[in-house]
Amino acid sequence: MFQYLVRRIAIGLLTLLLITFLVYALIRHMPGTPLTMHASVLDPTKQISKENLRLLERAYGLDKPWYQAYGLWVGNLARGDMGQSFREKIPVTQVIGRRLGPTLLLSGTSLLLAYVLAVPMGLYATARSGTFRERVLSTALYMLYSVPSFVAGLLLLTVFYQKLAGTPFQLPYGGMRSEEHSLLAHMILPVTCATYGSLAYFARFVKSNMEEVIRQDYIRTARAKGAGPMRVLIVHAFRNTMIPFVTMIGLTLPGILSGFVILESVFSWPGMGLLFLDSITYRDYPVIMGLTLMFAVLTLLGQLLADILYAFVDPRVTYS
């Protein structure tokens, strides 16, 4: 196991280097710079002169070729310095740290609800396979999975914020708190939109894997020995379904912190997704690279966690 972890970490570091190199090259070749994007929103009579623009580029390190600037960024990162935000003039770690709480609150709640509800729904659909109720449930899940979350968000805002304005059923729009509504009220719509797609996918995932497992020989053997339907379904079948399920759990780790870019924009939720969109809009290179690094690390850790959990769930798998 130790040699396996060392090899995976070495491959992960090389992957991180390649990802950050490509992303840095791409963002430095996007039209506009942090200085020109900021100047574009200023009063036309107060535009920055070319001389002052060159001085600012030198001060921010934008006068260097992108590959030299990338080398400086990697060197600073090795010393634990992720740079300073061009837009907010504070360290990138502080910029990201302020958005962690809202993102964890939204994505963590939605993923927890999706997992808690998806497993019993998937088991119920398997136990009632072929019945009218199962077909209604499967059709509803398929329809939910087909509707983009931002479309559902706009529809819900139209109903609960606009149409029901002034009634006890009105729900707030934008931010996390307001004078009229609590945090819980602000969370209802974004959490709903962030949950239903994952819920539909996870429930269908559990059902499809369960239907494959219950056709195995050992399931027929358990039934022949007199095991009850619930015991066969949960103890024998679902236990083996956990093998691909825990793999999926590990792969969802990056989604906990990466946020929902479009969804957070729709609801003006101050999380990581909205920060990522704003940093691209304003060409805030240090923040973009900080977020890219964090998302890449989480993705690699999620894959490693999935492999480790796979070995714990399935005793046939070993990394020694």
C-alpha atoms as a PDB file:
ATOM      1  CA  MET A   1       0.000   0.000   0.000  1.00  0.00           C
ATOM      2  CA  PHE A   2       2.831   2.409   0.837  1.00  0.00           C
ATOM      3  CA  GLN A   3       4.524   1.954  -2.524  1.00  0.00           C
ATOM      4  CA  TYR A   4       1.178   2.396  -4.242  1.00  0.00           C
ATOM      5  CA  LEU A   5       0.543   5.685  -2.399  1.00  0.00           C
ATOM      6  CA  VAL A   6       4.021   6.980  -3.217  1.00  0.00           C
ATOM      7  CA  ARG A   7       3.547   6.152  -6.891  1.00  0.00           C
ATOM      8  CA  ARG A   8       0.106   7.786  -6.988  1.00  0.00           C
ATOM      9  CA  ILE A   9       1.393  10.923  -5.250  1.00  0.00           C
ATOM     10  CA  ALA A  10       4.284  11.220  -7.714  1.00  0.00           C
ATOM     11  CA  ILE A  11       1.916  10.839 -10.661  1.00  0.00           C
ATOM     12  CA  GLY A  12      -0.446  13.335  -9.038  1.00  0.00           C
ATOM     13  CA  LEU A  13       2.277  15.965  -8.666  1.00  0.00           C
ATOM     14  CA  LEU A  14       3.246  15.571 -12.298  1.00  0.00           C
ATOM     15  CA  THR A  15      -0.423  15.844 -13.307  1.00  0.00           C
ATOM     16  CA  LEU A  16      -0.831  19.009 -11.222  1.00  0.00           C
ATOM     17  CA  LEU A  17       2.194  20.552 -12.889  1.00  0.00           C
ATOM     18  CA  LEU A  18       0.811  19.797 -16.346  1.00  0.00           C
ATOM     19  CA  ILE A  19      -2.693  21.072 -15.504  1.00  0.00           C
ATOM     20  CA  THR A  20      -1.497  24.346 -14.006  1.00  0.00           C
ATOM     21  CA  PHE A  21       0.926  24.876 -16.906  1.00  0.00           C
ATOM     22  CA  LEU A  22      -1.825  24.487 -19.503  1.00  0.00           C
ATOM     23  CA  VAL A  23      -4.332  26.605 -17.582  1.00  0.00           C
ATOM     24  CA  TYR A  24      -1.809  29.396 -17.036  1.00  0.00           C
ATOM     25  CA  ALA A  25      -0.999  29.413 -20.733  1.00  0.00           C
ATOM     26  CA  LEU A  26      -4.683  29.589 -21.634  1.00  0.00           C
ATOM     27  CA  ILE A  27      -5.624  32.409 -19.268  1.00  0.00           C
ATOM     28  CA  ARG A  28      -2.622  34.515 -20.279  1.00  0.00           C
ATOM     29  CA  HIS A  29      -3.713  34.229 -23.907  1.00  0.00           C
ATOM     30  CA  MET A  30      -7.295  35.317 -23.234  1.00  0.00           C
ATOM     31  CA  PRO A  31      -8.175  38.732 -24.711  1.00  0.00           C
ATOM     32  CA  GLY A  32      -7.646  41.512 -22.188  1.00  0.00           C
ATOM     33  CA  THR A  33      -5.629  41.742 -18.977  1.00  0.00           C
ATOM     34  CA  PRO A  34      -6.594  42.549 -15.375  1.00  0.00           C
ATOM     35  CA  LEU A  35      -5.639  46.164 -16.060  1.00  0.00           C
ATOM     36  CA  THR A  36      -7.502  46.594 -19.321  1.00  0.00           C
ATOM     37  CA  MET A  37     -10.590  44.769 -18.047  1.00  0.00           C
ATOM     38  CA  HIS A  38     -10.718  47.136 -15.096  1.00  0.00           C
ATOM     39  CA  ALA A  39     -10.095  50.153 -17.307  1.00  0.00           C
ATOM     40  CA  SER A  40     -12.961  49.119 -19.592  1.00  0.00           C
ATOM     41  CA  VAL A  41     -15.497  49.909 -16.881  1.00  0.00           C
ATOM     42  CA  LEU A  42     -14.017  53.284 -15.981  1.00  0.00           C
ATOM     43  CA  ASP A  43     -15.169  56.664 -17.189  1.00  0.00           C
ATOM     44  CA  PRO A  44     -13.848  57.151 -20.767  1.00  0.00           C
ATOM     45  CA  THR A  45     -12.387  60.495 -19.665  1.00  0.00           C
ATOM     46  CA  LYS A  46     -10.305  58.708 -17.009  1.00  0.00           C
ATOM     47  CA  GLN A  47      -8.633  56.028 -19.095  1.00  0.00           C
ATOM     48  CA  ILE A  48      -5.148  54.901 -18.089  1.00  0.00           C
ATOM     49  CA  SER A  49      -2.378  56.302 -20.245  1.00  0.00           C
ATOM     50  CA  LYS A  50      -0.031  53.934 -22.056  1.00  0.00           C
ATOM     51  CA  GLU A  51       2.898  54.992 -19.865  1.00  0.00           C
ATOM     52  CA  ASN A  52       0.991  54.337 -16.647  1.00  0.00           C
ATOM     53  CA  LEU A  53      -0.316  51.082 -18.094  1.00  0.00           C
ATOM     54  CA  ARG A  54       3.235  49.850 -18.718  1.00  0.00           C
ATOM     55  CA  LEU A  55       4.230  50.849 -15.174  1.00  0.00           C
ATOM     56  CA  LEU A  56       1.293  48.919 -13.752  1.00  0.00           C
ATOM     57  CA  GLU A  57       2.099  45.895 -15.897  1.00  0.00           C
ATOM     58  CA  ARG A  58       5.637  45.934 -14.530  1.00  0.00           C
ATOM     59  CA  ALA A  59       4.341  46.279 -10.969  1.00  0.00           C
ATOM     60  CA  TYR A  60       1.973  43.330 -11.353  1.00  0.00           C
ATOM     61  CA  GLY A  61       4.459  41.203 -13.289  1.00  0.00           C
ATOM     62  CA  LEU A  62       2.389  41.289 -16.468  1.00  0.00           C
ATOM     63  CA  ASP A  63       5.280  42.543 -18.557  1.00  0.00           C
ATOM     64  CA  LYS A  64       7.018  39.149 -18.484  1.00  0.00           C
ATOM     65  CA  PRO A  65       6.313  36.319 -20.968  1.00  0.00           C
ATOM     66  CA  TRP A  66       3.688  33.916 -19.674  1.00  0.00           C
ATOM     67  CA  TYR A  67       6.126  31.015 -19.230  1.00  0.00           C
ATOM     68  CA  GLN A  68       8.430  33.142 -17.078  1.00  0.00           C
ATOM     69  CA  ALA A  69       5.455  34.326 -15.053  1.00  0.00           C
ATOM     70  CA  TYR A  70       4.384  30.703 -14.618  1.00  0.00           C
ATOM     71  CA  GLY A  71       7.826  29.799 -13.311  1.00  0.00           C
ATOM     72  CA  LEU A  72       7.589  32.625 -10.768  1.00  0.00           C
ATOM     73  CA  TRP A  73       4.130  31.422  -9.743  1.00  0.00           C
ATOM     74  CA  VAL A  74       5.381  27.863  -9.192  1.00  0.00           C
ATOM     75  CA  GLY A  75       8.341  29.180  -7.188  1.00  0.00           C
ATOM     76  CA  ASN A  76       6.084  31.256  -4.952  1.00  0.00           C
ATOM     77  CA  LEU A  77       3.693  28.319  -4.584  1.00  0.00           C
ATOM     78  CA  ALA A  78       6.559  26.132  -3.376  1.00  0.00           C
ATOM     79  CA  ARG A  79       7.046  28.670  -0.578  1.00  0.00           C
ATOM     80  CA  GLY A  80       3.366  28.579   0.293  1.00  0.00           C
ATOM     81  CA  ASP A  81       2.495  31.863  -1.427  1.00  0.00           C
ATOM     82  CA  MET A  82      -0.414  31.746  -3.890  1.00  0.00           C
ATOM     83  CA  GLY A  83      -0.100  35.427  -4.713  1.00  0.00           C
ATOM     84  CA  GLN A  84      -2.401  38.381  -4.265  1.00  0.00           C
ATOM     85  CA  SER A  85      -5.714  39.014  -5.968  1.00  0.00           C
ATOM     86  CA  PHE A  86      -5.463  41.726  -8.635  1.00  0.00           C
ATOM     87  CA  ARG A  87      -9.069  42.700  -8.039  1.00  0.00           C
ATOM     88  CA  GLU A  88      -9.415  42.625  -4.225  1.00  0.00           C
ATOM     89  CA  LYS A  89      -5.775  43.417  -3.336  1.00  0.00           C
ATOM     90  CA  ILE A  90      -5.632  40.720  -0.657  1.00  0.00           C
ATOM     91  CA  PRO A  91      -3.949  37.264  -0.601  1.00  0.00           C
ATOM     92  CA  VAL A  92      -5.591  34.594  -2.729  1.00  0.00           C
ATOM     93  CA  THR A  93      -5.899  32.321   0.298  1.00  0.00           C
ATOM     94  CA  GLN A  94      -8.101  34.909   2.000  1.00  0.00           C
ATOM     95  CA  VAL A  95     -10.223  35.408  -1.107  1.00  0.00           C
ATOM     96  CA  ILE A  96     -10.837  31.663  -1.392  1.00  0.00           C
ATOM     97  CA  GLY A  97     -11.246  31.212   2.352  1.00  0.00           C
ATOM     98  CA  ARG A  98     -14.121  33.683   2.496  1.00  0.00           C
ATOM     99  CA  ARG A  99     -16.047  31.633  -0.094  1.00  0.00           C
ATOM    100  CA  LEU A 100     -15.459  28.187   1.442  1.00  0.00           C
ATOM    101  CA  GLY A 101     -18.243  28.458   4.013  1.00  0.00           C
ATOM    102  CA  PRO A 102     -21.085  29.326   1.614  1.00  0.00           C
ATOM    103  CA  THR A 103     -19.959  26.673  -0.878  1.00  0.00           C
ATOM    104  CA  LEU A 104     -19.659  23.943   1.766  1.00  0.00           C
ATOM    105  CA  LEU A 105     -23.069  24.889   3.117  1.00  0.00           C
ATOM    106  CA  LEU A 106     -24.738  24.660  -0.293  1.00  0.00           C
ATOM    107  CA  SER A 107     -22.930  21.729  -1.898  1.00  0.00           C
ATOM    108  CA  GLY A 108     -22.518  19.749   1.341  1.00  0.00           C
ATOM    109  CA  THR A 109     -26.221  20.001   2.158  1.00  0.00           C
ATOM    110  CA  SER A 110     -27.272  19.081  -1.378  1.00  0.00           C
ATOM    111  CA  LEU A 111     -24.932  16.078  -1.592  1.00  0.00           C
ATOM    112  CA  LEU A 112     -25.984  14.832   1.842  1.00  0.00           C
ATOM    113  CA  LEU A 113     -29.658  15.042   0.889  1.00  0.00           C
ATOM    114  CA  ALA A 114     -28.971  13.371  -2.456  1.00  0.00           C
ATOM    115  CA  TYR A 115     -27.177  10.408  -0.852  1.00  0.00           C
ATOM    116  CA  VAL A 116     -29.662  10.007   2.004  1.00  0.00           C
ATOM    117  CA  LEU A 117     -32.661  10.022  -0.338  1.00  0.00           C
ATOM    118  CA  ALA A 118     -31.126   8.221  -3.336  1.00  0.00           C
ATOM    119  CA  VAL A 119     -30.320   4.930  -1.574  1.00  0.00           C
ATOM    120  CA  PRO A 120     -33.851   4.167  -0.292  1.00  0.00           C
ATOM    121  CA  MET A 121     -35.365   5.360  -3.580  1.00  0.00           C
ATOM    122  CA  GLY A 122     -33.034   3.085  -5.545  1.00  0.00           C
ATOM    123  CA  LEU A 123     -33.786   0.141  -3.258  1.00  0.00           C
ATOM    124  CA  TYR A 124     -37.524   0.775  -3.495  1.00  0.00           C
ATOM    125  CA  ALA A 125     -37.376   0.930  -7.283  1.00  0.00           C
ATOM    126  CA  THR A 126     -35.477  -2.368  -7.329  1.00  0.00           C
ATOM    127  CA  ALA A 127     -37.890  -4.097  -4.943  1.00  0.00           C
ATOM    128  CA  ARG A 128     -40.915  -2.893  -6.955  1.00  0.00           C
ATOM    129  CA  SER A 129     -39.336  -3.364 -10.371  1.00  0.00           C
ATOM    130  CA  GLY A 130     -41.894  -3.612 -13.140  1.00  0.00           C
ATOM    131  CA  THR A 131     -44.772  -2.245 -11.097  1.00  0.00           C
ATOM    132  CA  PHE A 132     -46.733   0.921 -11.879  1.00  0.00           C
ATOM    133  CA  ARG A 133     -45.240   2.787  -8.900  1.00  0.00           C
ATOM    134  CA  GLU A 134     -41.709   1.917  -9.943  1.00  0.00           C
ATOM    135  CA  ARG A 135     -42.346   3.119 -13.474  1.00  0.00           C
ATOM    136  CA  VAL A 136     -43.769   6.404 -12.187  1.00  0.00           C
ATOM    137  CA  LEU A 137     -40.746   6.868  -9.911  1.00  0.00           C
ATOM    138  CA  SER A 138     -38.253   5.998 -12.660  1.00  0.00           C
ATOM    139  CA  THR A 139     -39.973   8.345 -15.118  1.00  0.00           C
ATOM    140  CA  ALA A 140     -39.949  11.165 -12.567  1.00  0.00           C
ATOM    141  CA  LEU A 141     -36.256  10.617 -11.850  1.00  0.00           C
ATOM    142  CA  TYR A 142     -35.460  10.573 -15.561  1.00  0.00           C
ATOM    143  CA  MET A 143     -37.344  13.830 -16.087  1.00  0.00           C
ATOM    144  CA  LEU A 144     -35.592  15.488 -13.140  1.00  0.00           C
ATOM    145  CA  TYR A 145     -32.194  14.398 -14.440  1.00  0.00           C
ATOM    146  CA  SER A 146     -33.021  15.846 -17.867  1.00  0.00           C
ATOM    147  CA  VAL A 147     -33.868  19.357 -16.622  1.00  0.00           C
ATOM    148  CA  PRO A 148     -30.800  21.645 -16.235  1.00  0.00           C
ATOM    149  CA  SER A 149     -30.492  23.061 -12.730  1.00  0.00           C
ATOM    150  CA  PHE A 150     -30.268  26.672 -13.906  1.00  0.00           C
ATOM    151  CA  VAL A 151     -33.513  26.287 -15.875  1.00  0.00           C
ATOM    152  CA  ALA A 152     -35.239  24.926 -12.783  1.00  0.00           C
ATOM    153  CA  GLY A 153     -33.721  27.777 -10.780  1.00  0.00           C
ATOM    154  CA  LEU A 154     -35.187  30.405 -13.083  1.00  0.00           C
ATOM    155  CA  LEU A 155     -38.599  28.715 -12.992  1.00  0.00           C
ATOM    156  CA  LEU A 156     -38.574  28.492  -9.203  1.00  0.00           C
ATOM    157  CA  LEU A 157     -37.540  32.129  -8.889  1.00  0.00           C
ATOM    158  CA  THR A 158     -40.360  33.136 -11.218  1.00  0.00           C
ATOM    159  CA  VAL A 159     -42.882  31.293  -9.045  1.00  0.00           C
ATOM    160  CA  PHE A 160     -41.647  31.697  -5.470  1.00  0.00           C
ATOM    161  CA  TYR A 161     -39.983  35.096  -5.724  1.00  0.00           C
ATOM    162  CA  GLN A 162     -42.013  36.923  -8.347  1.00  0.00           C
ATOM    163  CA  LYS A 163     -45.483  35.333  -8.567  1.00  0.00           C
ATOM    164  CA  LEU A 164     -45.806  34.766  -4.812  1.00  0.00           C
ATOM    165  CA  ALA A 165     -44.399  38.166  -3.839  1.00  0.00           C
ATOM    166  CA  GLY A 166     -46.108  39.582  -0.783  1.00  0.00           C
ATOM    167  CA  THR A 167     -47.470  36.213   0.340  1.00  0.00           C
ATOM    168  CA  PRO A 168     -46.239  33.959   3.178  1.00  0.00           C
ATOM    169  CA  PHE A 169     -44.906  31.567   0.537  1.00  0.00           C
ATOM    170  CA  GLN A 170     -42.499  34.058  -1.059  1.00  0.00           C
ATOM    171  CA  LEU A 171     -38.877  32.967  -0.940  1.00  0.00           C
ATOM    172  CA  PRO A 172     -35.900  35.341  -1.093  1.00  0.00           C
ATOM    173  CA  TYR A 173     -33.506  35.889  -3.968  1.00  0.00           C
ATOM    174  CA  GLY A 174     -29.810  36.688  -3.725  1.00  0.00           C
ATOM    175  CA  GLY A 175     -27.279  36.292  -0.951  1.00  0.00           C
ATOM    176  CA  MET A 176     -27.477  34.239   2.232  1.00  0.00           C
ATOM    177  CA  ARG A 177     -29.313  36.529   4.639  1.00  0.00           C
ATOM    178  CA  SER A 178     -31.713  39.450   4.582  1.00  0.00           C
ATOM    179  CA  GLU A 179     -33.837  41.416   7.020  1.00  0.00           C
ATOM    180  CA  GLU A 180     -37.012  39.610   5.979  1.00  0.00           C
ATOM    181  CA  HIS A 181     -35.719  36.040   5.659  1.00  0.00           C
ATOM    182  CA  SER A 182     -33.408  33.672   7.509  1.00  0.00           C
ATOM    183  CA  LEU A 183     -30.504  31.653   6.148  1.00  0.00           C
ATOM    184  CA  LEU A 184     -32.739  28.598   5.869  1.00  0.00           C
ATOM    185  CA  ALA A 185     -35.191  30.458   3.656  1.00  0.00           C
ATOM    186  CA  HIS A 186     -32.359  31.640   1.397  1.00  0.00           C
ATOM    187  CA  MET A 187     -31.117  28.054   1.080  1.00  0.00           C
ATOM    188  CA  ILE A 188     -34.379  26.412   0.016  1.00  0.00           C
ATOM    189  CA  LEU A 189     -34.314  27.245  -3.694  1.00  0.00           C
ATOM    190  CA  PRO A 190     -30.560  26.809  -4.409  1.00  0.00           C
ATOM    191  CA  VAL A 191     -30.370  23.595  -2.381  1.00  0.00           C
ATOM    192  CA  THR A 192     -33.413  22.227  -4.211  1.00  0.00           C
ATOM    193  CA  CYS A 193     -31.876  22.983  -7.607  1.00  0.00           C
ATOM    194  CA  ALA A 194     -28.500  21.598  -6.553  1.00  0.00           C
ATOM    195  CA  THR A 195     -30.003  18.384  -5.151  1.00  0.00           C
ATOM    196  CA  TYR A 196     -32.596  17.061  -7.576  1.00  0.00           C
ATOM    197  CA  GLY A 197     -30.184  16.326 -10.435  1.00  0.00           C
ATOM    198  CA  SER A 198     -27.744  14.429  -8.219  1.00  0.00           C
ATOM    199  CA  LEU A 199     -30.627  12.664  -6.474  1.00  0.00           C
ATOM    200  CA  ALA A 200     -32.034  11.441  -9.774  1.00  0.00           C
ATOM    201  CA  TYR A 201     -28.620  10.273 -10.999  1.00  0.00           C
ATOM    202  CA  PHE A 202     -27.652   8.506  -7.747  1.00  0.00           C
ATOM    203  CA  ALA A 203     -31.043   6.784  -7.399  1.00  0.00           C
ATOM    204  CA  ARG A 204     -30.917   5.505 -10.987  1.00  0.00           C
ATOM    205  CA  PHE A 205     -27.295   4.456 -10.404  1.00  0.00           C
ATOM    206  CA  VAL A 206     -28.265   2.396  -7.342  1.00  0.00           C
ATOM    207  CA  LYS A 207     -31.209   0.821  -9.167  1.00  0.00           C
ATOM    208  CA  SER A 208     -29.219  -0.139 -12.269  1.00  0.00           C
ATOM    209  CA  ASN A 209     -26.449  -1.727 -10.192  1.00  0.00           C
ATOM    210  CA  MET A 210     -28.919  -3.506  -7.921  1.00  0.00           C
ATOM    211  CA  GLU A 211     -30.751  -5.024 -10.903  1.00  0.00           C
ATOM    212  CA  GLU A 212     -27.464  -6.443 -12.131  1.00  0.00           C
ATOM    213  CA  VAL A 213     -26.525  -7.826  -8.711  1.00  0.00           C
ATOM    214  CA  ILE A 214     -29.851  -9.519  -7.922  1.00  0.00           C
ATOM    215  CA  ARG A 215     -29.449 -11.692 -11.019  1.00  0.00           C
ATOM    216  CA  GLN A 216     -26.263 -13.261  -9.638  1.00  0.00           C
ATOM    217  CA  ASP A 217     -26.107 -16.883  -8.501  1.00  0.00           C
ATOM    218  CA  TYR A 218     -25.383 -16.122  -4.849  1.00  0.00           C
ATOM    219  CA  ILE A 219     -28.623 -14.106  -4.634  1.00  0.00           C
ATOM    220  CA  ARG A 220     -30.601 -17.120  -5.840  1.00  0.00           C
ATOM    221  CA  THR A 221     -28.720 -19.241  -3.303  1.00  0.00           C
ATOM    222  CA  ALA A 222     -29.621 -16.863  -0.471  1.00  0.00           C
ATOM    223  CA  ARG A 223     -33.275 -16.972  -1.485  1.00  0.00           C
ATOM    224  CA  ALA A 224     -33.175 -20.789  -1.681  1.00  0.00           C
ATOM    225  CA  LYS A 225     -31.825 -20.905   1.883  1.00  0.00           C
ATOM    226  CA  GLY A 226     -34.871 -19.022   3.085  1.00  0.00           C
ATOM    227  CA  ALA A 227     -33.527 -15.467   3.421  1.00  0.00           C
ATOM    228  CA  GLY A 228     -36.309 -12.886   3.460  1.00  0.00           C
ATOM    229  CA  PRO A 229     -36.759 -10.364   0.640  1.00  0.00           C
ATOM    230  CA  MET A 230     -35.482  -7.402   2.706  1.00  0.00           C
ATOM    231  CA  ARG A 231     -32.434  -9.339   3.912  1.00  0.00           C
ATOM    232  CA  VAL A 232     -31.608 -10.430   0.374  1.00  0.00           C
ATOM    233  CA  LEU A 233     -32.053  -6.902  -0.928  1.00  0.00           C
ATOM    234  CA  ILE A 234     -30.113  -4.997   1.735  1.00  0.00           C
ATOM    235  CA  VAL A 235     -27.619  -7.446   3.262  1.00  0.00           C
ATOM    236  CA  HIS A 236     -26.660  -9.509   0.221  1.00  0.00           C
ATOM    237  CA  ALA A 237     -27.383  -7.360  -2.843  1.00  0.00           C
ATOM    238  CA  PHE A 238     -26.800  -3.800  -1.645  1.00  0.00           C
ATOM    239  CA  ARG A 239     -23.527  -4.737   0.021  1.00  0.00           C
ATOM    240  CA  ASN A 240     -22.042  -5.628  -3.358  1.00  0.00           C
ATOM    241  CA  THR A 241     -23.627  -2.569  -4.968  1.00  0.00           C
ATOM    242  CA  MET A 242     -21.532  -0.470  -2.563  1.00  0.00           C
ATOM    243  CA  ILE A 243     -18.397  -1.245  -4.600  1.00  0.00           C
ATOM    244  CA  PRO A 244     -19.197   1.101  -7.523  1.00  0.00           C
ATOM    245  CA  PHE A 245     -21.181   3.382  -5.194  1.00  0.00           C
ATOM    246  CA  VAL A 246     -18.184   4.266  -3.000  1.00  0.00           C
ATOM    247  CA  THR A 247     -16.155   4.895  -6.139  1.00  0.00           C
ATOM    248  CA  MET A 248     -18.730   7.469  -7.164  1.00  0.00           C
ATOM    249  CA  ILE A 249     -18.636   9.017  -3.675  1.00  0.00           C
ATOM    250  CA  GLY A 250     -14.899   9.581  -3.986  1.00  0.00           C
ATOM    251  CA  LEU A 251     -15.292  11.166  -7.398  1.00  0.00           C
ATOM    252  CA  THR A 252     -17.867  13.659  -6.073  1.00  0.00           C
ATOM    253  CA  LEU A 253     -15.320  15.155  -3.645  1.00  0.00           C
ATOM    254  CA  PRO A 254     -14.270  17.976  -6.011  1.00  0.00           C
ATOM    255  CA  GLY A 255     -17.897  19.012  -6.393  1.00  0.00           C
ATOM    256  CA  ILE A 256     -18.145  19.789  -2.679  1.00  0.00           C
ATOM    257  CA  LEU A 257     -15.798  22.769  -3.006  1.00  0.00           C
ATOM    258  CA  SER A 258     -15.948  23.628  -6.681  1.00  0.00           C
ATOM    259  CA  GLY A 259     -19.480  24.908  -6.269  1.00  0.00           C
ATOM    260  CA  PHE A 260     -22.094  25.338  -8.972  1.00  0.00           C
ATOM    261  CA  VAL A 261     -20.897  28.079 -11.300  1.00  0.00           C
ATOM    262  CA  ILE A 262     -24.139  28.762 -13.185  1.00  0.00           C
ATOM    263  CA  LEU A 263     -26.420  27.969 -10.252  1.00  0.00           C
ATOM    264  CA  GLU A 264     -24.570  30.302  -7.896  1.00  0.00           C
ATOM    265  CA  SER A 265     -24.791  33.014 -10.534  1.00  0.00           C
ATOM    266  CA  VAL A 266     -28.563  32.525 -10.846  1.00  0.00           C
ATOM    267  CA  PHE A 267     -29.118  32.835  -7.092  1.00  0.00           C
ATOM    268  CA  SER A 268     -26.201  35.252  -6.420  1.00  0.00           C
ATOM    269  CA  TRP A 269     -24.870  32.750  -3.899  1.00  0.00           C
ATOM    270  CA  PRO A 270     -21.433  33.961  -2.691  1.00  0.00           C
ATOM    271  CA  GLY A 271     -19.596  30.671  -3.182  1.00  0.00           C
ATOM    272  CA  MET A 272     -16.646  29.254  -5.075  1.00  0.00           C
ATOM    273  CA  GLY A 273     -18.519  28.911  -8.346  1.00  0.00           C
ATOM    274  CA  LEU A 274     -19.438  32.592  -8.460  1.00  0.00           C
ATOM    275  CA  LEU A 275     -15.884  33.506  -7.441  1.00  0.00           C
ATOM    276  CA  PHE A 276     -14.479  31.433 -10.306  1.00  0.00           C
ATOM    277  CA  LEU A 277     -16.782  33.134 -12.797  1.00  0.00           C
ATOM    278  CA  ASP A 278     -15.920  36.608 -11.497  1.00  0.00           C
ATOM    279  CA  SER A 279     -12.187  35.894 -11.519  1.00  0.00           C
ATOM    280  CA  ILE A 280     -12.371  34.872 -15.192  1.00  0.00           C
ATOM    281  CA  THR A 281     -14.461  37.931 -16.043  1.00  0.00           C
ATOM    282  CA  TYR A 282     -11.945  40.297 -14.448  1.00  0.00           C
ATOM    283  CA  ARG A 283      -8.889  38.265 -15.539  1.00  0.00           C
ATOM    284  CA  ASP A 284      -7.783  37.825 -11.929  1.00  0.00           C
ATOM    285  CA  TYR A 285      -4.959  35.420 -12.766  1.00  0.00           C
ATOM    286  CA  PRO A 286      -3.796  34.585  -9.199  1.00  0.00           C
ATOM    287  CA  VAL A 287      -7.330  33.695  -8.093  1.00  0.00           C
ATOM    288  CA  ILE A 288      -7.956  31.617 -11.227  1.00  0.00           C
ATOM    289  CA  MET A 289      -4.763  29.677 -10.639  1.00  0.00           C
ATOM    290  CA  GLY A 290      -5.521  29.236  -6.944  1.00  0.00           C
ATOM    291  CA  LEU A 291      -8.958  27.832  -7.706  1.00  0.00           C
ATOM    292  CA  THR A 292      -7.617  25.640 -10.513  1.00  0.00           C
ATOM    293  CA  LEU A 293      -4.980  24.218  -8.200  1.00  0.00           C
ATOM    294  CA  MET A 294      -7.526  23.512  -5.493  1.00  0.00           C
ATOM    295  CA  PHE A 295      -9.994  21.847  -7.877  1.00  0.00           C
ATOM    296  CA  ALA A 296      -7.248  19.731  -9.441  1.00  0.00           C
ATOM    297  CA  VAL A 297      -5.951  18.604  -6.038  1.00  0.00           C
ATOM    298  CA  LEU A 298      -9.458  17.672  -4.933  1.00  0.00           C
ATOM    299  CA  THR A 299     -10.060  15.715  -8.132  1.00  0.00           C
ATOM    300  CA  LEU A 300      -6.869  13.719  -7.689  1.00  0.00           C
ATOM    301  CA  LEU A 301      -7.582  13.155  -3.987  1.00  0.00           C
ATOM    302  CA  GLY A 302     -11.093  12.030  -4.857  1.00  0.00           C
ATOM    303  CA  GLN A 303      -9.774   9.458  -7.304  1.00  0.00           C
ATOM    304  CA  LEU A 304      -7.242   8.221  -4.739  1.00  0.00           C
ATOM    305  CA  LEU A 305      -9.920   8.044  -2.049  1.00  0.00           C
ATOM    306  CA  ALA A 306     -12.190   6.089  -4.395  1.00  0.00           C
ATOM    307  CA  ASP A 307      -9.424   3.529  -5.035  1.00  0.00           C
ATOM    308  CA  ILE A 308      -8.721   3.161  -1.309  1.00  0.00           C
ATOM    309  CA  LEU A 309     -12.406   2.780  -0.442  1.00  0.00           C
ATOM    310  CA  TYR A 310     -12.726   0.256  -3.243  1.00  0.00           C
ATOM    311  CA  ALA A 311     -10.102  -1.905  -1.529  1.00  0.00           C
ATOM    312  CA  PHE A 312     -11.909  -1.669   1.821  1.00  0.00           C
ATOM    313  CA  VAL A 313     -15.300  -2.592   0.335  1.00  0.00           C
ATOM    314  CA  ASP A 314     -14.035  -5.400  -1.892  1.00  0.00           C
ATOM    315  CA  PRO A 315     -11.535  -7.674  -0.038  1.00  0.00           C
ATOM    316  CA  ARG A 316     -10.453  -9.134  -3.389  1.00  0.00           C
ATOM    317  CA  VAL A 317      -8.757  -5.840  -4.250  1.00  0.00           C
ATOM    318  CA  THR A 318      -5.320  -5.228  -2.770  1.00  0.00           C
ATOM    319  CA  TYR A 319      -2.611  -2.631  -3.420  1.00  0.00           C
ATOM    320  CA  SER A 320       0.185  -4.354  -1.554  1.00  0.00           C
END
